[in-house]
């Protein structure tokens, strides 16, 4: 499993996306799959950077996000795990937006997480040892 630790701030998004792209290219993923996973990674990282530490007492130097990427060759399964020490938040508990409504009628927020849920094969959340741990899984075609 490869790992990257960065400060949870938007300025580090390019580093996160570069890490993910490099690892996925290294295992031979198609550009379509790389793009799909990067969109999900961007959504999750931006949410962590924007909201995880807004009301935190942690020293700014401890306001990190850890991104782990693993590939199980036998199962052809990519796992991307995000860990942060921010406020507990389970994005899976947020109800999916009603996409049958027009953009004007829909409530603000939630569309990004909905897109991640729809584009990944599995998405789980747990809060453990004072950490949010969100795991995305995607099978390689």
N, C-alpha and C. Protein backbone atom coordinates (compact mmCIF):
# COMPACT_ATOMS: atom_id res chain seq x y z
N UNK A 1 0.85 -1.18 0.00
CA UNK A 1 0.00 0.00 0.00
C UNK A 1 0.89 1.24 0.00
N UNK A 2 0.63 2.14 -0.93
CA UNK A 2 1.37 3.40 -1.01
C UNK A 2 0.62 4.45 -0.19
N UNK A 3 1.37 5.40 0.36
CA UNK A 3 0.76 6.39 1.25
C UNK A 3 1.34 7.78 1.02
N UNK A 4 0.46 8.77 1.11
CA UNK A 4 0.85 10.17 1.02
C UNK A 4 0.19 10.91 2.18
N UNK A 5 0.98 11.70 2.90
CA UNK A 5 0.44 12.54 3.96
C UNK A 5 0.69 14.00 3.58
N UNK A 6 -0.39 14.79 3.57
CA UNK A 6 -0.29 16.22 3.24
C UNK A 6 -1.14 17.01 4.22
N UNK A 7 -0.82 18.29 4.34
CA UNK A 7 -1.70 19.19 5.09
C UNK A 7 -3.03 19.21 4.36
N UNK A 8 -4.11 19.20 5.10
CA UNK A 8 -5.44 19.20 4.50
C UNK A 8 -5.81 20.61 4.08
N UNK A 9 -5.22 21.04 2.97
CA UNK A 9 -5.53 22.35 2.42
C UNK A 9 -5.56 22.25 0.90
N UNK A 10 -6.40 23.09 0.31
CA UNK A 10 -6.64 23.03 -1.13
C UNK A 10 -5.36 23.17 -1.95
N UNK A 11 -4.39 23.87 -1.42
CA UNK A 11 -3.12 24.07 -2.14
C UNK A 11 -2.42 22.74 -2.43
N UNK A 12 -2.77 21.69 -1.72
CA UNK A 12 -2.12 20.39 -1.90
C UNK A 12 -2.88 19.44 -2.82
N UNK A 13 -3.97 19.92 -3.41
CA UNK A 13 -4.78 19.06 -4.27
C UNK A 13 -3.97 18.51 -5.45
N UNK A 14 -3.17 19.33 -6.09
CA UNK A 14 -2.38 18.86 -7.24
C UNK A 14 -1.41 17.75 -6.82
N UNK A 15 -0.83 17.87 -5.64
CA UNK A 15 0.08 16.82 -5.15
C UNK A 15 -0.67 15.51 -4.93
N UNK A 16 -1.87 15.61 -4.36
CA UNK A 16 -2.69 14.42 -4.13
C UNK A 16 -3.06 13.76 -5.46
N UNK A 17 -3.54 14.56 -6.41
CA UNK A 17 -3.94 14.01 -7.71
C UNK A 17 -2.74 13.43 -8.46
N UNK A 18 -1.59 14.06 -8.34
CA UNK A 18 -0.37 13.55 -8.97
C UNK A 18 0.04 12.21 -8.38
N UNK A 19 -0.05 12.08 -7.07
CA UNK A 19 0.24 10.82 -6.39
C UNK A 19 -0.66 9.71 -6.90
N UNK A 20 -1.96 9.99 -6.95
CA UNK A 20 -2.94 8.98 -7.38
C UNK A 20 -2.68 8.61 -8.84
N UNK A 21 -2.49 9.60 -9.70
CA UNK A 21 -2.25 9.32 -11.12
C UNK A 21 -1.01 8.47 -11.31
N UNK A 22 0.07 8.81 -10.64
CA UNK A 22 1.32 8.07 -10.78
C UNK A 22 1.14 6.61 -10.35
N UNK A 23 0.47 6.41 -9.23
CA UNK A 23 0.26 5.04 -8.74
C UNK A 23 -0.63 4.24 -9.68
N UNK A 24 -1.70 4.86 -10.19
CA UNK A 24 -2.61 4.16 -11.08
C UNK A 24 -1.97 3.86 -12.44
N UNK A 25 -1.17 4.80 -12.92
CA UNK A 25 -0.42 4.54 -14.17
C UNK A 25 0.54 3.38 -13.97
N UNK A 26 1.15 3.32 -12.78
CA UNK A 26 2.11 2.26 -12.47
C UNK A 26 1.52 0.86 -12.48
N UNK A 27 0.23 0.76 -12.23
CA UNK A 27 -0.40 -0.57 -12.28
C UNK A 27 -1.12 -0.80 -13.60
N UNK A 28 -0.97 0.15 -14.53
CA UNK A 28 -1.49 -0.05 -15.87
C UNK A 28 -2.96 0.27 -16.07
N UNK A 29 -3.52 1.15 -15.26
CA UNK A 29 -4.93 1.52 -15.42
C UNK A 29 -5.14 2.34 -16.69
N UNK A 30 -6.32 2.23 -17.25
CA UNK A 30 -6.68 3.03 -18.42
C UNK A 30 -6.84 4.49 -18.00
N UNK A 31 -6.71 5.39 -18.97
CA UNK A 31 -6.88 6.82 -18.66
C UNK A 31 -8.31 7.08 -18.20
N UNK A 32 -9.27 6.36 -18.75
CA UNK A 32 -10.66 6.53 -18.33
C UNK A 32 -10.82 6.19 -16.84
N UNK A 33 -10.23 5.09 -16.40
CA UNK A 33 -10.33 4.69 -15.00
C UNK A 33 -9.56 5.67 -14.10
N UNK A 34 -8.40 6.09 -14.56
CA UNK A 34 -7.61 7.06 -13.78
C UNK A 34 -8.43 8.34 -13.58
N UNK A 35 -9.04 8.83 -14.64
CA UNK A 35 -9.84 10.05 -14.56
C UNK A 35 -11.01 9.86 -13.60
N UNK A 36 -11.69 8.74 -13.69
CA UNK A 36 -12.84 8.46 -12.83
C UNK A 36 -12.43 8.44 -11.35
N UNK A 37 -11.32 7.79 -11.06
CA UNK A 37 -10.85 7.72 -9.67
C UNK A 37 -10.36 9.09 -9.21
N UNK A 38 -9.69 9.83 -10.09
CA UNK A 38 -9.20 11.15 -9.70
C UNK A 38 -10.35 12.11 -9.38
N UNK A 39 -11.44 12.02 -10.12
CA UNK A 39 -12.60 12.88 -9.82
C UNK A 39 -13.12 12.57 -8.42
N UNK A 40 -13.20 11.29 -8.08
CA UNK A 40 -13.65 10.90 -6.74
C UNK A 40 -12.66 11.37 -5.67
N UNK A 41 -11.38 11.19 -5.92
CA UNK A 41 -10.34 11.61 -4.97
C UNK A 41 -10.39 13.13 -4.78
N UNK A 42 -10.56 13.86 -5.86
CA UNK A 42 -10.64 15.32 -5.76
C UNK A 42 -11.82 15.73 -4.88
N UNK A 43 -12.96 15.14 -5.10
CA UNK A 43 -14.16 15.48 -4.32
C UNK A 43 -13.92 15.22 -2.82
N UNK A 44 -13.39 14.07 -2.51
CA UNK A 44 -13.18 13.72 -1.09
C UNK A 44 -12.11 14.62 -0.47
N UNK A 45 -10.99 14.81 -1.16
CA UNK A 45 -9.92 15.64 -0.59
C UNK A 45 -10.38 17.08 -0.40
N UNK A 46 -11.10 17.63 -1.38
CA UNK A 46 -11.59 19.01 -1.24
C UNK A 46 -12.52 19.12 -0.03
N UNK A 47 -13.36 18.12 0.18
CA UNK A 47 -14.23 18.13 1.35
C UNK A 47 -13.43 18.10 2.65
N UNK A 48 -12.41 17.26 2.70
CA UNK A 48 -11.56 17.20 3.90
C UNK A 48 -10.88 18.55 4.11
N UNK A 49 -10.28 19.09 3.05
CA UNK A 49 -9.56 20.36 3.16
C UNK A 49 -10.50 21.51 3.54
N UNK A 50 -11.73 21.44 3.09
CA UNK A 50 -12.67 22.54 3.33
C UNK A 50 -13.39 22.46 4.67
N UNK A 51 -13.62 21.25 5.17
CA UNK A 51 -14.52 21.11 6.32
C UNK A 51 -13.96 20.35 7.52
N UNK A 52 -12.99 19.47 7.34
CA UNK A 52 -12.59 18.58 8.42
C UNK A 52 -12.07 19.32 9.64
N UNK A 53 -11.33 20.37 9.43
CA UNK A 53 -10.65 21.03 10.55
C UNK A 53 -11.19 22.42 10.86
N UNK A 54 -12.38 22.76 10.37
CA UNK A 54 -12.89 24.12 10.57
C UNK A 54 -13.10 24.47 12.03
N UNK A 55 -13.49 23.51 12.84
CA UNK A 55 -13.70 23.77 14.28
C UNK A 55 -12.75 22.95 15.13
N UNK A 56 -11.56 22.78 14.65
CA UNK A 56 -10.61 21.88 15.31
C UNK A 56 -9.68 22.64 16.26
N UNK A 57 -9.36 21.98 17.35
CA UNK A 57 -8.38 22.51 18.30
C UNK A 57 -6.97 22.00 18.00
N UNK A 58 -6.86 21.16 16.98
CA UNK A 58 -5.55 20.60 16.64
C UNK A 58 -4.61 21.68 16.14
N UNK A 59 -3.34 21.51 16.49
CA UNK A 59 -2.30 22.37 15.95
C UNK A 59 -2.38 22.31 14.42
N UNK A 60 -2.26 23.43 13.73
CA UNK A 60 -2.33 23.41 12.26
C UNK A 60 -1.37 22.41 11.61
N UNK A 61 -0.24 22.15 12.26
CA UNK A 61 0.72 21.18 11.71
C UNK A 61 0.21 19.74 11.79
N UNK A 62 -0.84 19.52 12.57
CA UNK A 62 -1.43 18.18 12.70
C UNK A 62 -2.72 18.04 11.89
N UNK A 63 -3.05 19.05 11.12
CA UNK A 63 -4.29 19.02 10.34
C UNK A 63 -4.00 18.43 8.95
N UNK A 64 -3.77 17.12 8.97
CA UNK A 64 -3.34 16.42 7.77
C UNK A 64 -4.44 15.54 7.19
N UNK A 65 -4.20 15.13 5.98
CA UNK A 65 -4.98 14.08 5.33
C UNK A 65 -3.98 13.03 4.88
N UNK A 66 -4.32 11.78 5.12
CA UNK A 66 -3.49 10.67 4.67
C UNK A 66 -4.27 9.95 3.58
N UNK A 67 -3.62 9.77 2.44
CA UNK A 67 -4.24 9.07 1.33
C UNK A 67 -3.43 7.80 1.09
N UNK A 68 -4.10 6.67 1.18
CA UNK A 68 -3.45 5.38 0.94
C UNK A 68 -4.07 4.76 -0.32
N UNK A 69 -3.23 4.20 -1.14
CA UNK A 69 -3.71 3.56 -2.36
C UNK A 69 -3.14 2.16 -2.43
N UNK A 70 -4.01 1.19 -2.70
CA UNK A 70 -3.59 -0.20 -2.77
C UNK A 70 -4.23 -0.85 -3.99
N UNK A 71 -3.55 -1.84 -4.55
CA UNK A 71 -4.08 -2.61 -5.66
C UNK A 71 -3.94 -4.09 -5.34
N UNK A 72 -5.07 -4.77 -5.31
CA UNK A 72 -5.08 -6.22 -5.10
C UNK A 72 -5.17 -6.86 -6.47
N UNK A 73 -4.04 -7.39 -6.92
CA UNK A 73 -3.96 -7.88 -8.30
C UNK A 73 -4.91 -9.04 -8.57
N UNK A 74 -5.00 -9.98 -7.63
CA UNK A 74 -5.89 -11.14 -7.84
C UNK A 74 -7.33 -10.72 -8.05
N UNK A 75 -7.78 -9.79 -7.26
CA UNK A 75 -9.17 -9.32 -7.34
C UNK A 75 -9.35 -8.17 -8.33
N UNK A 76 -8.23 -7.65 -8.86
CA UNK A 76 -8.27 -6.48 -9.74
C UNK A 76 -9.03 -5.34 -9.05
N UNK A 77 -8.65 -5.06 -7.81
CA UNK A 77 -9.36 -4.09 -6.98
C UNK A 77 -8.43 -2.99 -6.50
N UNK A 78 -8.82 -1.75 -6.79
CA UNK A 78 -8.10 -0.57 -6.32
C UNK A 78 -8.82 -0.05 -5.07
N UNK A 79 -8.05 0.22 -4.03
CA UNK A 79 -8.59 0.78 -2.80
C UNK A 79 -7.90 2.11 -2.53
N UNK A 80 -8.70 3.14 -2.30
CA UNK A 80 -8.17 4.45 -1.92
C UNK A 80 -8.79 4.78 -0.57
N UNK A 81 -7.92 5.01 0.42
CA UNK A 81 -8.39 5.28 1.78
C UNK A 81 -7.93 6.67 2.21
N UNK A 82 -8.87 7.42 2.76
CA UNK A 82 -8.59 8.77 3.28
C UNK A 82 -8.73 8.74 4.80
N UNK A 83 -7.75 9.30 5.48
CA UNK A 83 -7.80 9.39 6.94
C UNK A 83 -7.52 10.82 7.35
N UNK A 84 -8.34 11.33 8.28
CA UNK A 84 -8.08 12.66 8.85
C UNK A 84 -8.51 12.64 10.31
N UNK A 85 -8.02 13.61 11.05
CA UNK A 85 -8.33 13.73 12.48
C UNK A 85 -9.30 14.87 12.74
N UNK A 86 -10.04 15.23 11.71
CA UNK A 86 -10.99 16.32 11.82
C UNK A 86 -12.25 15.91 12.57
N UNK A 87 -13.24 16.79 12.53
CA UNK A 87 -14.51 16.51 13.20
C UNK A 87 -15.12 15.26 12.59
N UNK A 88 -15.73 14.39 13.41
CA UNK A 88 -16.34 13.18 12.86
C UNK A 88 -17.43 13.53 11.85
N UNK A 89 -17.35 12.90 10.69
CA UNK A 89 -18.37 13.16 9.66
C UNK A 89 -18.47 11.94 8.74
N UNK A 90 -19.66 11.37 8.70
CA UNK A 90 -19.94 10.24 7.83
C UNK A 90 -20.71 10.73 6.61
N UNK A 91 -20.04 10.88 5.48
CA UNK A 91 -20.73 11.39 4.28
C UNK A 91 -21.79 10.42 3.76
N UNK A 92 -21.72 9.17 4.16
CA UNK A 92 -22.70 8.18 3.68
C UNK A 92 -24.05 8.35 4.35
N UNK A 93 -24.10 9.06 5.47
CA UNK A 93 -25.37 9.29 6.15
C UNK A 93 -26.17 10.43 5.53
N UNK A 94 -25.50 11.22 4.72
CA UNK A 94 -26.20 12.32 4.06
C UNK A 94 -27.11 11.74 2.99
N UNK A 95 -28.38 12.11 2.98
CA UNK A 95 -29.27 11.56 1.95
C UNK A 95 -28.84 12.01 0.55
N UNK A 96 -29.04 11.12 -0.40
CA UNK A 96 -28.72 11.46 -1.78
C UNK A 96 -29.62 12.58 -2.26
N UNK A 97 -29.10 13.47 -3.09
CA UNK A 97 -29.95 14.55 -3.62
C UNK A 97 -30.99 13.96 -4.59
N UNK A 98 -32.10 14.64 -4.70
CA UNK A 98 -33.14 14.24 -5.64
C UNK A 98 -32.75 14.79 -7.01
N UNK A 99 -32.13 13.94 -7.82
CA UNK A 99 -31.63 14.42 -9.11
C UNK A 99 -32.75 14.55 -10.15
N UNK A 100 -33.97 14.20 -9.77
CA UNK A 100 -35.10 14.41 -10.68
C UNK A 100 -35.56 15.87 -10.66
N UNK A 101 -35.16 16.60 -9.63
CA UNK A 101 -35.52 18.02 -9.52
C UNK A 101 -34.59 18.85 -10.39
N UNK A 102 -35.05 20.01 -10.78
CA UNK A 102 -34.18 20.92 -11.53
C UNK A 102 -33.12 21.48 -10.59
N UNK A 103 -32.06 22.04 -11.15
CA UNK A 103 -30.98 22.59 -10.33
C UNK A 103 -31.49 23.67 -9.38
N UNK A 104 -32.49 24.44 -9.81
CA UNK A 104 -33.04 25.50 -8.97
C UNK A 104 -33.83 24.93 -7.78
N UNK A 105 -34.46 23.78 -7.97
CA UNK A 105 -35.29 23.18 -6.92
C UNK A 105 -34.50 22.34 -5.92
N UNK A 106 -33.32 21.89 -6.33
CA UNK A 106 -32.51 21.01 -5.49
C UNK A 106 -31.85 21.77 -4.34
N UNK A 107 -31.68 21.07 -3.21
CA UNK A 107 -30.93 21.67 -2.10
C UNK A 107 -29.46 21.74 -2.48
N UNK A 108 -28.78 22.73 -1.93
CA UNK A 108 -27.35 22.90 -2.20
C UNK A 108 -26.58 21.83 -1.45
N UNK A 109 -25.56 21.28 -2.11
CA UNK A 109 -24.67 20.32 -1.46
C UNK A 109 -25.09 18.88 -1.68
N UNK A 110 -24.11 18.01 -1.52
CA UNK A 110 -24.37 16.59 -1.57
C UNK A 110 -24.20 15.94 -2.93
N UNK A 111 -24.13 16.73 -3.99
CA UNK A 111 -24.04 16.15 -5.32
C UNK A 111 -22.68 15.48 -5.54
N UNK A 112 -21.62 16.06 -5.00
CA UNK A 112 -20.28 15.48 -5.17
C UNK A 112 -20.16 14.12 -4.53
N UNK A 113 -20.61 13.99 -3.29
CA UNK A 113 -20.56 12.69 -2.61
C UNK A 113 -21.45 11.68 -3.35
N UNK A 114 -22.59 12.13 -3.83
CA UNK A 114 -23.49 11.27 -4.60
C UNK A 114 -22.76 10.74 -5.84
N UNK A 115 -22.05 11.62 -6.54
CA UNK A 115 -21.30 11.19 -7.73
C UNK A 115 -20.21 10.19 -7.37
N UNK A 116 -19.53 10.40 -6.25
CA UNK A 116 -18.51 9.45 -5.81
C UNK A 116 -19.14 8.09 -5.52
N UNK A 117 -20.26 8.09 -4.79
CA UNK A 117 -20.94 6.82 -4.48
C UNK A 117 -21.33 6.09 -5.76
N UNK A 118 -21.81 6.81 -6.75
CA UNK A 118 -22.26 6.19 -8.00
C UNK A 118 -21.09 5.70 -8.86
N UNK A 119 -19.94 6.36 -8.78
CA UNK A 119 -18.83 6.00 -9.65
C UNK A 119 -17.91 4.93 -9.07
N UNK A 120 -17.95 4.72 -7.76
CA UNK A 120 -17.12 3.69 -7.13
C UNK A 120 -17.94 2.42 -6.93
N UNK A 121 -17.25 1.30 -6.82
CA UNK A 121 -17.95 0.03 -6.59
C UNK A 121 -18.34 -0.14 -5.13
N UNK A 122 -17.59 0.51 -4.24
CA UNK A 122 -17.90 0.41 -2.81
C UNK A 122 -17.33 1.64 -2.12
N UNK A 123 -18.05 2.09 -1.09
CA UNK A 123 -17.61 3.26 -0.32
C UNK A 123 -18.04 3.01 1.12
N UNK A 124 -17.06 3.04 2.04
CA UNK A 124 -17.37 2.80 3.45
C UNK A 124 -16.75 3.89 4.31
N UNK A 125 -17.33 4.08 5.48
CA UNK A 125 -16.84 5.07 6.44
C UNK A 125 -16.78 4.42 7.82
N UNK A 126 -15.76 4.79 8.57
CA UNK A 126 -15.72 4.43 9.99
C UNK A 126 -14.96 5.53 10.74
N UNK A 127 -15.31 5.67 12.02
CA UNK A 127 -14.60 6.60 12.90
C UNK A 127 -13.91 5.75 13.94
N UNK A 128 -12.59 5.82 13.95
CA UNK A 128 -11.80 4.91 14.77
C UNK A 128 -10.56 5.64 15.29
N UNK A 129 -10.28 5.50 16.57
CA UNK A 129 -9.10 6.15 17.17
C UNK A 129 -9.05 7.64 16.88
N UNK A 130 -10.20 8.32 17.01
CA UNK A 130 -10.31 9.76 16.76
C UNK A 130 -9.98 10.14 15.32
N UNK A 131 -10.26 9.23 14.39
CA UNK A 131 -9.97 9.49 12.97
C UNK A 131 -11.16 9.13 12.11
N UNK A 132 -11.41 9.98 11.10
CA UNK A 132 -12.34 9.65 10.03
C UNK A 132 -11.58 8.79 9.03
N UNK A 133 -12.17 7.67 8.63
CA UNK A 133 -11.54 6.80 7.64
C UNK A 133 -12.58 6.49 6.57
N UNK A 134 -12.36 7.02 5.39
CA UNK A 134 -13.28 6.82 4.27
C UNK A 134 -12.54 5.99 3.22
N UNK A 135 -13.17 4.90 2.80
CA UNK A 135 -12.54 3.98 1.87
C UNK A 135 -13.36 3.85 0.59
N UNK A 136 -12.69 4.02 -0.53
CA UNK A 136 -13.30 3.86 -1.86
C UNK A 136 -12.68 2.63 -2.51
N UNK A 137 -13.53 1.84 -3.18
CA UNK A 137 -13.02 0.67 -3.91
C UNK A 137 -13.57 0.67 -5.32
N UNK A 138 -12.68 0.30 -6.25
CA UNK A 138 -13.07 0.27 -7.65
C UNK A 138 -12.36 -0.92 -8.32
N UNK A 139 -13.15 -1.74 -9.02
CA UNK A 139 -12.58 -2.85 -9.77
C UNK A 139 -12.01 -2.35 -11.09
N UNK A 140 -10.89 -2.91 -11.48
CA UNK A 140 -10.27 -2.60 -12.76
C UNK A 140 -10.98 -3.44 -13.82
N UNK A 141 -11.38 -2.80 -14.91
CA UNK A 141 -12.07 -3.51 -15.98
C UNK A 141 -11.14 -4.48 -16.68
